[in-house]
């Protein structure tokens, strides 16, 4: 290595680091808006398309520059990137949707669909994009109704909760929550059920218990007498329409 090459080594290392921080696809220098993901990845986007897809970006990009300062770039310009608390993979998906006339999504994993929905709502995106994100969540959580119910609780989303409950049949409940063919729950079953209930917000938890518990009589151990008791309805799908945390 020549002396000149040696002197340029730190500069080249910095250039490589900056290049590594750029998204491999959303990096067109002609695009005027710079978004920074939570990992620090730089993604370039069209301000025109962002404004069409999102009220958040439409409002942000229409802000005037500071008074008496012709040097200040618009928000999101080269000197002032927009920081987003979302992964670069999710921001990239969002940009794909925002720049498409007929947006569509590939199958997504649960965490990616969940984050995309949060991003479309955070940015006040168009009804079409929010609807696509909802469909992505629906598909991603299709075989995971309990996780969908927890997500609905986190969002305080009653329609989503009813959708989740509609997918929980007696067989689904036994496979996911209870690990015995007996009608009596094991200590492990009880602990798992209690842990699931604790993962729901208080209003969702109370509403769920209200609809899944049914009254009856229990025969006391080693006795022939009966006493009042509560039983767990194991077919939650039939109770989905009754779920109402607001009551």
Protein backbone atom coordinates (compact mmCIF):
# COMPACT_ATOMS: atom_id res chain seq x y z
CA UNK A 1 0.00 0.00 0.00
CA UNK A 2 1.39 3.39 -0.99
CA UNK A 3 1.64 6.27 1.44
CA UNK A 4 -1.28 7.98 -0.33
CA UNK A 5 -3.47 4.87 -0.06
CA UNK A 6 -2.55 4.56 3.61
CA UNK A 7 -3.56 8.16 4.23
CA UNK A 8 -6.94 7.56 2.57
CA UNK A 9 -7.72 4.38 4.55
CA UNK A 10 -9.75 6.14 7.30
CA UNK A 11 -11.68 8.06 4.64
CA UNK A 12 -12.51 4.86 2.77
CA UNK A 13 -13.57 3.16 6.02
CA UNK A 14 -15.92 6.04 6.74
CA UNK A 15 -17.34 5.88 3.20
CA UNK A 16 -17.93 2.13 3.59
CA UNK A 17 -19.64 2.65 6.95
CA UNK A 18 -21.91 5.31 5.45
CA UNK A 19 -22.71 3.03 2.50
CA UNK A 20 -23.51 0.12 4.84
CA UNK A 21 -26.03 2.34 6.65
CA UNK A 22 -27.98 2.95 3.45
CA UNK A 23 -30.84 0.70 2.43
CA UNK A 24 -29.83 -1.45 -0.56
CA UNK A 25 -32.98 -0.57 -2.55
CA UNK A 26 -34.48 2.62 -1.15
CA UNK A 27 -31.33 4.64 -1.79
CA UNK A 28 -32.10 6.61 -4.96
CA UNK A 29 -30.28 9.96 -4.59
CA UNK A 30 -33.02 11.58 -6.70
CA UNK A 31 -35.52 10.99 -3.89
CA UNK A 32 -35.60 14.07 -1.70
CA UNK A 33 -36.69 12.64 1.67
CA UNK A 34 -34.39 10.77 4.05
CA UNK A 35 -35.89 8.45 6.66
CA UNK A 36 -33.80 6.88 9.41
CA UNK A 37 -34.94 3.57 10.90
CA UNK A 38 -34.46 2.67 14.56
CA UNK A 39 -31.32 0.71 13.61
CA UNK A 40 -29.90 3.80 11.92
CA UNK A 41 -30.47 2.64 8.35
CA UNK A 42 -31.00 5.46 5.84
CA UNK A 43 -33.89 5.08 3.39
CA UNK A 44 -34.64 7.60 0.67
CA UNK A 45 -38.21 8.26 -0.39
CA UNK A 46 -40.25 10.46 -2.69
CA UNK A 47 -41.83 13.33 -0.80
CA UNK A 48 -44.61 13.36 -3.37
CA UNK A 49 -45.54 9.71 -2.78
CA UNK A 50 -45.20 10.03 1.00
CA UNK A 51 -47.55 13.01 0.99
CA UNK A 52 -50.15 11.08 -0.99
CA UNK A 53 -49.94 8.04 1.28
CA UNK A 54 -49.80 9.69 4.69
CA UNK A 55 -51.33 12.74 6.37
CA UNK A 56 -48.43 12.72 8.83
CA UNK A 57 -45.86 13.14 6.07
CA UNK A 58 -48.09 15.50 4.10
CA UNK A 59 -48.25 17.85 7.07
CA UNK A 60 -44.62 17.44 8.06
CA UNK A 61 -43.26 18.08 4.58
CA UNK A 62 -45.43 21.16 4.09
CA UNK A 63 -43.84 22.99 7.04
CA UNK A 64 -42.11 26.19 5.89
CA UNK A 65 -38.38 26.70 6.52
CA UNK A 66 -37.27 28.75 9.49
CA UNK A 67 -37.74 32.51 9.09
CA UNK A 68 -34.81 34.47 7.68
CA UNK A 69 -32.82 31.32 7.01
CA UNK A 70 -32.55 30.42 3.36
CA UNK A 71 -29.96 27.76 4.16
CA UNK A 72 -32.32 25.50 6.10
CA UNK A 73 -33.51 22.50 4.11
CA UNK A 74 -37.13 21.32 4.36
CA UNK A 75 -37.87 18.73 7.04
CA UNK A 76 -36.70 15.37 5.73
CA UNK A 77 -34.25 16.95 3.33
CA UNK A 78 -30.60 16.02 3.14
CA UNK A 79 -29.68 18.07 6.21
CA UNK A 80 -32.61 17.02 8.36
CA UNK A 81 -33.60 13.32 8.16
CA UNK A 82 -36.83 12.06 9.69
CA UNK A 83 -36.22 9.62 12.53
CA UNK A 84 -38.68 6.73 12.82
CA UNK A 85 -38.85 4.28 15.71
CA UNK A 86 -39.50 1.35 13.38
CA UNK A 87 -37.23 -1.30 11.86
CA UNK A 88 -35.74 -0.68 8.42
CA UNK A 89 -37.50 -3.80 7.09
CA UNK A 90 -40.89 -2.39 8.08
CA UNK A 91 -40.11 1.11 6.80
CA UNK A 92 -39.03 -0.47 3.51
CA UNK A 93 -42.35 -2.32 3.27
CA UNK A 94 -44.18 0.91 3.96
CA UNK A 95 -42.28 2.72 1.20
CA UNK A 96 -43.06 -0.11 -1.22
CA UNK A 97 -46.75 0.34 -0.48
CA UNK A 98 -46.65 4.13 -0.56
CA UNK A 99 -45.04 4.24 -4.00
CA UNK A 100 -47.33 1.68 -5.65
CA UNK A 101 -50.54 2.39 -7.56
CA UNK A 102 -51.89 -1.06 -6.64
CA UNK A 103 -50.14 -1.90 -3.36
CA UNK A 104 -50.02 -5.50 -2.16
CA UNK A 105 -48.12 -7.39 0.51
CA UNK A 106 -46.32 -10.73 0.67
CA UNK A 107 -47.09 -13.04 3.62
CA UNK A 108 -45.55 -11.52 6.75
CA UNK A 109 -44.42 -12.90 10.09
CA UNK A 110 -46.43 -11.83 13.12
CA UNK A 111 -43.96 -9.26 14.44
CA UNK A 112 -43.55 -7.66 11.01
CA UNK A 113 -47.30 -7.43 10.37
CA UNK A 114 -47.82 -5.99 13.85
CA UNK A 115 -45.17 -3.32 13.33
CA UNK A 116 -46.45 -2.43 9.86
CA UNK A 117 -49.92 -1.83 11.27
CA UNK A 118 -48.43 0.39 13.97
CA UNK A 119 -46.47 2.35 11.35
CA UNK A 120 -49.46 2.92 9.07
CA UNK A 121 -51.50 4.16 12.03
CA UNK A 122 -48.68 6.31 13.41
CA UNK A 123 -48.26 8.03 10.04
CA UNK A 124 -52.03 8.47 9.55
CA UNK A 125 -51.79 6.54 6.32
CA UNK A 126 -54.49 6.22 3.70
CA UNK A 127 -57.42 3.91 4.33
CA UNK A 128 -56.07 1.54 1.68
CA UNK A 129 -52.69 1.14 3.40
CA UNK A 130 -54.19 0.72 6.87
CA UNK A 131 -56.61 -1.87 5.50
CA UNK A 132 -53.73 -3.78 3.90
CA UNK A 133 -51.85 -3.75 7.20
CA UNK A 134 -54.93 -5.07 9.03
CA UNK A 135 -55.23 -7.88 6.49
CA UNK A 136 -51.55 -8.68 6.97
CA UNK A 137 -52.12 -9.01 10.73
CA UNK A 138 -55.18 -11.17 10.15
CA UNK A 139 -53.22 -13.54 7.90
CA UNK A 140 -50.07 -13.60 10.04
CA UNK A 141 -52.00 -14.42 13.23
CA UNK A 142 -54.41 -16.87 11.55
CA UNK A 143 -53.07 -19.84 13.53
CA UNK A 144 -52.28 -17.84 16.68
CA UNK A 145 -55.61 -16.54 18.05
CA UNK A 146 -54.33 -16.16 21.62
CA UNK A 147 -51.47 -13.95 20.47
CA UNK A 148 -53.96 -11.98 18.37
CA UNK A 149 -56.15 -11.48 21.44
CA UNK A 150 -53.16 -10.14 23.38
CA UNK A 151 -52.38 -7.75 20.52
CA UNK A 152 -56.01 -6.62 20.48
CA UNK A 153 -55.78 -5.99 24.22
CA UNK A 154 -52.60 -3.93 23.80
CA UNK A 155 -54.37 -1.85 21.16
CA UNK A 156 -57.74 -1.83 22.97
CA UNK A 157 -59.16 -3.08 19.67
CA UNK A 158 -62.53 -4.78 20.29
CA UNK A 159 -63.22 -5.89 16.68
CA UNK A 160 -59.79 -7.53 16.56
CA UNK A 161 -60.48 -9.25 19.89
CA UNK A 162 -63.77 -10.64 18.61
CA UNK A 163 -61.98 -11.86 15.52
CA UNK A 164 -59.44 -13.66 17.73
CA UNK A 165 -62.12 -15.19 19.95
CA UNK A 166 -63.96 -16.41 16.86
CA UNK A 167 -60.96 -18.60 16.07
CA UNK A 168 -60.72 -20.26 19.50
CA UNK A 169 -62.65 -23.52 19.47
CA UNK A 170 -62.60 -26.18 22.19
CA UNK A 171 -59.85 -28.09 20.35
CA UNK A 172 -57.79 -24.91 19.90
CA UNK A 173 -58.11 -24.11 23.59
CA UNK A 174 -57.07 -27.58 24.71
CA UNK A 175 -54.09 -27.71 22.37
CA UNK A 176 -52.79 -24.27 23.31
CA UNK A 177 -53.74 -23.87 26.96
CA UNK A 178 -54.62 -27.18 28.56
CA UNK A 179 -52.48 -30.29 28.36
CA UNK A 180 -54.74 -33.00 29.68
CA UNK A 181 -57.81 -34.88 28.51
CA UNK A 182 -59.25 -34.71 32.03
CA UNK A 183 -62.02 -32.28 32.90
CA UNK A 184 -59.92 -31.12 35.86
CA UNK A 185 -57.13 -28.65 35.22
CA UNK A 186 -53.61 -29.48 36.33
CA UNK A 187 -51.57 -26.93 38.31
CA UNK A 188 -49.56 -26.29 35.13
CA UNK A 189 -52.76 -25.62 33.18
CA UNK A 190 -53.96 -23.19 35.83
CA UNK A 191 -50.64 -21.32 35.87
CA UNK A 192 -50.63 -21.01 32.08
CA UNK A 193 -54.23 -19.83 32.01
CA UNK A 194 -53.60 -17.27 34.74
CA UNK A 195 -50.49 -16.02 32.91
CA UNK A 196 -52.54 -15.56 29.76
CA UNK A 197 -55.22 -13.61 31.63
CA UNK A 198 -52.56 -11.36 33.18
CA UNK A 199 -51.30 -10.51 29.69
CA UNK A 200 -54.64 -8.83 28.92
CA UNK A 201 -55.56 -5.34 30.06
CA UNK A 202 -58.03 -5.23 33.00
CA UNK A 203 -61.16 -4.43 30.98
CA UNK A 204 -60.42 -7.16 28.42
CA UNK A 205 -59.67 -9.65 31.20
CA UNK A 206 -62.92 -8.94 33.03
CA UNK A 207 -65.01 -9.09 29.86
CA UNK A 208 -63.41 -12.38 28.84
CA UNK A 209 -64.00 -13.97 32.24
CA UNK A 210 -67.60 -12.74 32.21
CA UNK A 211 -68.42 -14.58 28.99
CA UNK A 212 -66.35 -17.76 29.40
CA UNK A 213 -67.44 -18.67 32.93
CA UNK A 214 -70.76 -20.42 33.36
CA UNK A 215 -72.45 -21.38 36.62
CA UNK A 216 -73.23 -24.91 37.73
CA UNK A 217 -72.92 -27.33 40.62
CA UNK A 218 -69.78 -29.09 41.80
CA UNK A 219 -69.74 -32.37 43.69
CA UNK A 220 -67.50 -32.05 46.71
CA UNK A 221 -64.61 -34.49 47.00
CA UNK A 222 -65.61 -37.71 48.82
CA UNK A 223 -69.08 -36.33 49.42
CA UNK A 224 -72.38 -36.74 47.67
CA UNK A 225 -73.50 -33.17 48.30
CA UNK A 226 -73.33 -30.48 45.65
CA UNK A 227 -72.23 -26.87 45.92
CA UNK A 228 -72.38 -23.91 43.52
CA UNK A 229 -69.45 -23.61 41.13
CA UNK A 230 -68.17 -21.95 38.00
CA UNK A 231 -67.16 -23.81 34.86
CA UNK A 232 -65.00 -22.73 31.93
CA UNK A 233 -66.75 -22.68 28.58
CA UNK A 234 -64.24 -24.24 26.20
CA UNK A 235 -65.79 -23.02 22.93
CA UNK A 236 -64.89 -19.34 22.89
CA UNK A 237 -65.77 -18.92 19.22
CA UNK A 238 -69.48 -19.07 20.05
CA UNK A 239 -69.04 -16.24 22.57
CA UNK A 240 -67.13 -13.79 20.39
CA UNK A 241 -70.11 -11.51 19.70
CA UNK A 242 -70.77 -11.15 23.45
CA UNK A 243 -67.30 -9.75 24.14
CA UNK A 244 -67.70 -6.11 25.21
CA UNK A 245 -65.12 -4.53 27.54
CA UNK A 246 -67.12 -1.30 27.71
CA UNK A 247 -69.90 -2.89 29.78
